[in-house]
Amino acid sequence: MALVRLGRRHLRLAIEVNLAPTYPHPIATLTQPVQLTGGIGCVRQKMYILATDPARFTRFYDKLKNDPGWTMHTLPCTTLMQLEMPDELTAILLKAIP
């Protein structure tokens, strides 16, 4: 089970929501750049949610936080925010629905 390597807290969360078995995250999503077509300008509402426990992706947050085209949020949890803070995450995502 992949989450065992992350610690007991994550294993407990995975068991609680019946995610076992899980699979490792594809490393290429962190090492290969996204191939953008220029269509990002057509996206009306862009949102970034930073998980701050620990904050591993602050480089992206810092780059976008002053850009008026982006709405920024933080949650005091790991990147498993859908498991750790589902109500808070849902509230943020619902704000994006016109």
N, C-alpha and C. Protein backbone atom coordinates (compact mmCIF):
# COMPACT_ATOMS: atom_id res chain seq x y z
N MET A 1 0.85 -1.18 0.00
CA MET A 1 0.00 0.00 0.00
C MET A 1 0.89 1.24 0.00
N ALA A 2 0.72 2.10 -0.98
CA ALA A 2 1.62 3.24 -1.18
C ALA A 2 1.59 4.23 -0.02
N LEU A 3 0.45 4.42 0.61
CA LEU A 3 0.36 5.43 1.65
C LEU A 3 1.08 5.06 2.93
N VAL A 4 1.46 3.81 3.09
CA VAL A 4 2.19 3.39 4.29
C VAL A 4 3.48 4.18 4.40
N ARG A 5 4.12 4.47 3.29
CA ARG A 5 5.38 5.21 3.31
C ARG A 5 5.18 6.64 3.79
N LEU A 6 3.99 7.17 3.72
CA LEU A 6 3.74 8.54 4.13
C LEU A 6 3.45 8.68 5.62
N GLY A 7 3.18 7.58 6.29
CA GLY A 7 2.94 7.63 7.72
C GLY A 7 1.57 7.11 8.11
N ARG A 8 1.41 6.88 9.39
CA ARG A 8 0.17 6.30 9.91
C ARG A 8 -1.05 7.18 9.68
N ARG A 9 -0.85 8.48 9.76
CA ARG A 9 -1.97 9.40 9.57
C ARG A 9 -2.63 9.19 8.20
N HIS A 10 -1.80 9.07 7.16
CA HIS A 10 -2.33 8.87 5.82
C HIS A 10 -2.89 7.47 5.63
N LEU A 11 -2.29 6.49 6.23
CA LEU A 11 -2.82 5.13 6.16
C LEU A 11 -4.20 5.08 6.78
N ARG A 12 -4.37 5.71 7.93
CA ARG A 12 -5.67 5.74 8.59
C ARG A 12 -6.71 6.42 7.69
N LEU A 13 -6.33 7.53 7.08
CA LEU A 13 -7.25 8.23 6.18
C LEU A 13 -7.63 7.36 4.99
N ALA A 14 -6.66 6.65 4.43
CA ALA A 14 -6.94 5.79 3.28
C ALA A 14 -7.90 4.68 3.66
N ILE A 15 -7.71 4.11 4.83
CA ILE A 15 -8.59 3.05 5.28
C ILE A 15 -10.00 3.59 5.53
N GLU A 16 -10.09 4.76 6.13
CA GLU A 16 -11.39 5.35 6.45
C GLU A 16 -12.22 5.61 5.20
N VAL A 17 -11.60 5.98 4.12
CA VAL A 17 -12.37 6.27 2.91
C VAL A 17 -12.26 5.15 1.88
N ASN A 18 -11.73 4.03 2.30
CA ASN A 18 -11.67 2.82 1.48
C ASN A 18 -10.90 3.04 0.18
N LEU A 19 -9.73 3.63 0.27
CA LEU A 19 -8.91 3.86 -0.91
C LEU A 19 -7.91 2.74 -1.18
N ALA A 20 -7.76 1.82 -0.28
CA ALA A 20 -6.78 0.75 -0.46
C ALA A 20 -7.30 -0.21 -1.53
N PRO A 21 -6.51 -0.71 -2.44
CA PRO A 21 -5.10 -0.36 -2.58
C PRO A 21 -4.92 0.96 -3.31
N THR A 22 -3.85 1.63 -3.01
CA THR A 22 -3.52 2.87 -3.70
C THR A 22 -2.28 2.64 -4.54
N TYR A 23 -1.97 3.59 -5.38
CA TYR A 23 -0.84 3.45 -6.28
C TYR A 23 0.04 4.68 -6.16
N PRO A 24 1.35 4.51 -6.37
CA PRO A 24 2.26 5.65 -6.26
C PRO A 24 1.90 6.75 -7.28
N HIS A 25 2.16 7.99 -6.90
CA HIS A 25 1.91 9.11 -7.79
C HIS A 25 2.91 9.06 -8.94
N PRO A 26 2.48 9.24 -10.17
CA PRO A 26 3.42 9.23 -11.30
C PRO A 26 4.42 10.38 -11.17
N ILE A 27 5.69 10.04 -11.07
CA ILE A 27 6.74 11.04 -10.85
C ILE A 27 6.83 12.04 -12.01
N ALA A 28 6.45 11.62 -13.20
CA ALA A 28 6.54 12.52 -14.36
C ALA A 28 5.69 13.77 -14.18
N THR A 29 4.63 13.70 -13.39
CA THR A 29 3.80 14.89 -13.18
C THR A 29 4.56 15.96 -12.41
N LEU A 30 5.63 15.59 -11.76
CA LEU A 30 6.44 16.54 -11.01
C LEU A 30 7.74 16.91 -11.72
N THR A 31 8.11 16.14 -12.74
CA THR A 31 9.41 16.36 -13.39
C THR A 31 9.30 16.86 -14.82
N GLN A 32 8.15 16.69 -15.47
CA GLN A 32 7.99 17.11 -16.85
C GLN A 32 7.10 18.35 -16.92
N PRO A 33 7.53 19.36 -17.66
CA PRO A 33 6.72 20.57 -17.75
C PRO A 33 5.41 20.32 -18.51
N VAL A 34 4.41 21.07 -18.16
CA VAL A 34 3.14 21.01 -18.86
C VAL A 34 3.31 21.67 -20.23
N GLN A 35 2.74 21.07 -21.23
CA GLN A 35 2.79 21.65 -22.58
C GLN A 35 1.54 22.50 -22.78
N LEU A 36 1.66 23.80 -22.60
CA LEU A 36 0.53 24.71 -22.72
C LEU A 36 0.37 25.17 -24.17
N THR A 37 -0.87 25.34 -24.58
CA THR A 37 -1.17 25.73 -25.95
C THR A 37 -1.48 27.21 -26.09
N GLY A 38 -1.55 27.92 -24.99
CA GLY A 38 -1.94 29.32 -25.02
C GLY A 38 -3.41 29.52 -24.70
N GLY A 39 -4.13 28.44 -24.52
CA GLY A 39 -5.55 28.52 -24.22
C GLY A 39 -5.88 28.93 -22.80
N ILE A 40 -4.87 29.07 -21.94
CA ILE A 40 -5.12 29.43 -20.54
C ILE A 40 -5.82 30.79 -20.45
N GLY A 41 -5.60 31.65 -21.42
CA GLY A 41 -6.24 32.94 -21.44
C GLY A 41 -7.76 32.86 -21.60
N CYS A 42 -8.23 31.74 -22.14
CA CYS A 42 -9.68 31.54 -22.32
C CYS A 42 -10.36 31.06 -21.05
N VAL A 43 -9.58 30.65 -20.07
CA VAL A 43 -10.15 30.17 -18.81
C VAL A 43 -10.51 31.38 -17.97
N ARG A 44 -11.79 31.53 -17.67
CA ARG A 44 -12.26 32.72 -16.95
C ARG A 44 -11.80 32.75 -15.50
N GLN A 45 -11.91 31.62 -14.84
CA GLN A 45 -11.62 31.60 -13.41
C GLN A 45 -10.56 30.55 -13.12
N LYS A 46 -9.40 31.01 -12.69
CA LYS A 46 -8.30 30.11 -12.37
C LYS A 46 -8.10 30.14 -10.86
N MET A 47 -7.87 28.96 -10.28
CA MET A 47 -7.77 28.84 -8.83
C MET A 47 -6.57 27.96 -8.48
N TYR A 48 -5.88 28.34 -7.41
CA TYR A 48 -4.78 27.54 -6.89
C TYR A 48 -5.02 27.34 -5.39
N ILE A 49 -4.93 26.09 -4.95
CA ILE A 49 -5.10 25.78 -3.52
C ILE A 49 -3.79 25.16 -3.03
N LEU A 50 -3.16 25.83 -2.08
CA LEU A 50 -1.88 25.37 -1.53
C LEU A 50 -2.11 24.62 -0.23
N ALA A 51 -1.64 23.39 -0.17
CA ALA A 51 -1.64 22.63 1.07
C ALA A 51 -0.39 23.05 1.84
N THR A 52 -0.56 23.43 3.11
CA THR A 52 0.56 24.04 3.84
C THR A 52 1.19 23.16 4.91
N ASP A 53 0.87 21.86 4.96
CA ASP A 53 1.43 20.99 6.00
C ASP A 53 2.04 19.72 5.42
N PRO A 54 3.24 19.77 4.90
CA PRO A 54 4.11 20.93 4.69
C PRO A 54 3.78 21.61 3.36
N ALA A 55 4.20 22.84 3.22
CA ALA A 55 3.97 23.60 1.99
C ALA A 55 5.08 23.25 1.00
N ARG A 56 4.82 22.31 0.13
CA ARG A 56 5.84 21.85 -0.82
C ARG A 56 5.81 22.60 -2.14
N PHE A 57 4.71 23.22 -2.49
CA PHE A 57 4.57 23.83 -3.80
C PHE A 57 4.44 25.34 -3.71
N THR A 58 5.18 25.93 -2.79
CA THR A 58 5.11 27.38 -2.60
C THR A 58 5.65 28.14 -3.81
N ARG A 59 6.51 27.53 -4.59
CA ARG A 59 7.07 28.20 -5.77
C ARG A 59 5.94 28.61 -6.71
N PHE A 60 4.97 27.74 -6.91
CA PHE A 60 3.85 28.04 -7.80
C PHE A 60 2.91 29.06 -7.16
N TYR A 61 2.66 28.88 -5.88
CA TYR A 61 1.80 29.80 -5.14
C TYR A 61 2.39 31.21 -5.18
N ASP A 62 3.67 31.32 -4.87
CA ASP A 62 4.33 32.62 -4.85
C ASP A 62 4.32 33.28 -6.22
N LYS A 63 4.43 32.50 -7.27
CA LYS A 63 4.45 33.04 -8.62
C LYS A 63 3.08 33.62 -9.01
N LEU A 64 2.02 33.01 -8.52
CA LEU A 64 0.67 33.38 -8.94
C LEU A 64 -0.09 34.28 -7.96
N LYS A 65 0.38 34.40 -6.73
CA LYS A 65 -0.42 35.05 -5.69
C LYS A 65 -0.76 36.51 -5.96
N ASN A 66 0.04 37.20 -6.73
CA ASN A 66 -0.23 38.60 -7.04
C ASN A 66 -0.84 38.79 -8.43
N ASP A 67 -1.12 37.69 -9.11
CA ASP A 67 -1.72 37.74 -10.44
C ASP A 67 -3.23 37.86 -10.28
N PRO A 68 -3.84 38.94 -10.75
CA PRO A 68 -5.29 39.13 -10.56
C PRO A 68 -6.13 38.10 -11.30
N GLY A 69 -5.54 37.36 -12.20
CA GLY A 69 -6.27 36.34 -12.94
C GLY A 69 -6.44 35.03 -12.17
N TRP A 70 -5.83 34.97 -10.98
CA TRP A 70 -5.89 33.75 -10.18
C TRP A 70 -6.50 34.04 -8.81
N THR A 71 -7.30 33.09 -8.32
CA THR A 71 -7.81 33.14 -6.96
C THR A 71 -6.98 32.14 -6.16
N MET A 72 -6.40 32.61 -5.07
CA MET A 72 -5.50 31.76 -4.29
C MET A 72 -6.14 31.38 -2.96
N HIS A 73 -5.89 30.15 -2.52
CA HIS A 73 -6.38 29.65 -1.24
C HIS A 73 -5.28 28.82 -0.60
N THR A 74 -5.34 28.69 0.71
CA THR A 74 -4.45 27.78 1.43
C THR A 74 -5.30 26.94 2.38
N LEU A 75 -4.86 25.71 2.59
CA LEU A 75 -5.48 24.84 3.56
C LEU A 75 -4.39 24.23 4.43
N PRO A 76 -4.56 24.21 5.75
CA PRO A 76 -3.54 23.69 6.66
C PRO A 76 -3.58 22.16 6.73
N CYS A 77 -3.17 21.53 5.63
CA CYS A 77 -3.19 20.07 5.56
C CYS A 77 -2.15 19.64 4.53
N THR A 78 -2.04 18.34 4.31
CA THR A 78 -1.15 17.83 3.28
C THR A 78 -1.86 17.91 1.93
N THR A 79 -1.22 17.40 0.90
CA THR A 79 -1.84 17.42 -0.42
C THR A 79 -2.99 16.42 -0.53
N LEU A 80 -3.28 15.71 0.51
CA LEU A 80 -4.45 14.83 0.55
C LEU A 80 -5.64 15.59 1.13
N MET A 81 -5.77 16.84 0.71
CA MET A 81 -6.80 17.72 1.28
C MET A 81 -8.21 17.18 1.11
N GLN A 82 -8.46 16.42 0.06
CA GLN A 82 -9.79 15.86 -0.13
C GLN A 82 -10.13 14.84 0.95
N LEU A 83 -9.12 14.30 1.61
CA LEU A 83 -9.33 13.36 2.70
C LEU A 83 -9.29 14.04 4.06
N GLU A 84 -8.38 14.99 4.20
CA GLU A 84 -8.15 15.63 5.49
C GLU A 84 -9.10 16.79 5.78
N MET A 85 -9.48 17.53 4.76
CA MET A 85 -10.34 18.70 4.95
C MET A 85 -11.41 18.74 3.85
N PRO A 86 -12.21 17.72 3.74
CA PRO A 86 -13.17 17.66 2.63
C PRO A 86 -14.20 18.80 2.66
N ASP A 87 -14.67 19.19 3.82
CA ASP A 87 -15.67 20.26 3.89
C ASP A 87 -15.09 21.60 3.45
N GLU A 88 -13.89 21.89 3.91
CA GLU A 88 -13.23 23.15 3.56
C GLU A 88 -12.90 23.19 2.06
N LEU A 89 -12.41 22.07 1.53
CA LEU A 89 -12.09 21.98 0.11
C LEU A 89 -13.35 22.14 -0.72
N THR A 90 -14.41 21.49 -0.33
CA THR A 90 -15.68 21.59 -1.04
C THR A 90 -16.17 23.03 -1.07
N ALA A 91 -16.07 23.72 0.06
CA ALA A 91 -16.51 25.12 0.12
C ALA A 91 -15.72 25.99 -0.85
N ILE A 92 -14.42 25.76 -0.93
CA ILE A 92 -13.58 26.53 -1.87
C ILE A 92 -13.98 26.22 -3.31
N LEU A 93 -14.14 24.95 -3.63
CA LEU A 93 -14.47 24.57 -5.00
C LEU A 93 -15.86 25.06 -5.40
N LEU A 94 -16.79 25.05 -4.48
CA LEU A 94 -18.15 25.53 -4.80
C LEU A 94 -18.16 27.02 -5.13
N LYS A 95 -17.22 27.76 -4.58
CA LYS A 95 -17.13 29.19 -4.90
C LYS A 95 -16.77 29.42 -6.37
N ALA A 96 -16.18 28.42 -7.00
CA ALA A 96 -15.75 28.55 -8.39
C ALA A 96 -16.90 28.32 -9.37
N ILE A 97 -18.01 27.82 -8.88
CA ILE A 97 -19.15 27.54 -9.75
C ILE A 97 -19.94 28.84 -9.93
N PRO A 98 -20.09 29.26 -11.20
CA PRO A 98 -20.81 30.52 -11.43
C PRO A 98 -22.29 30.41 -11.09
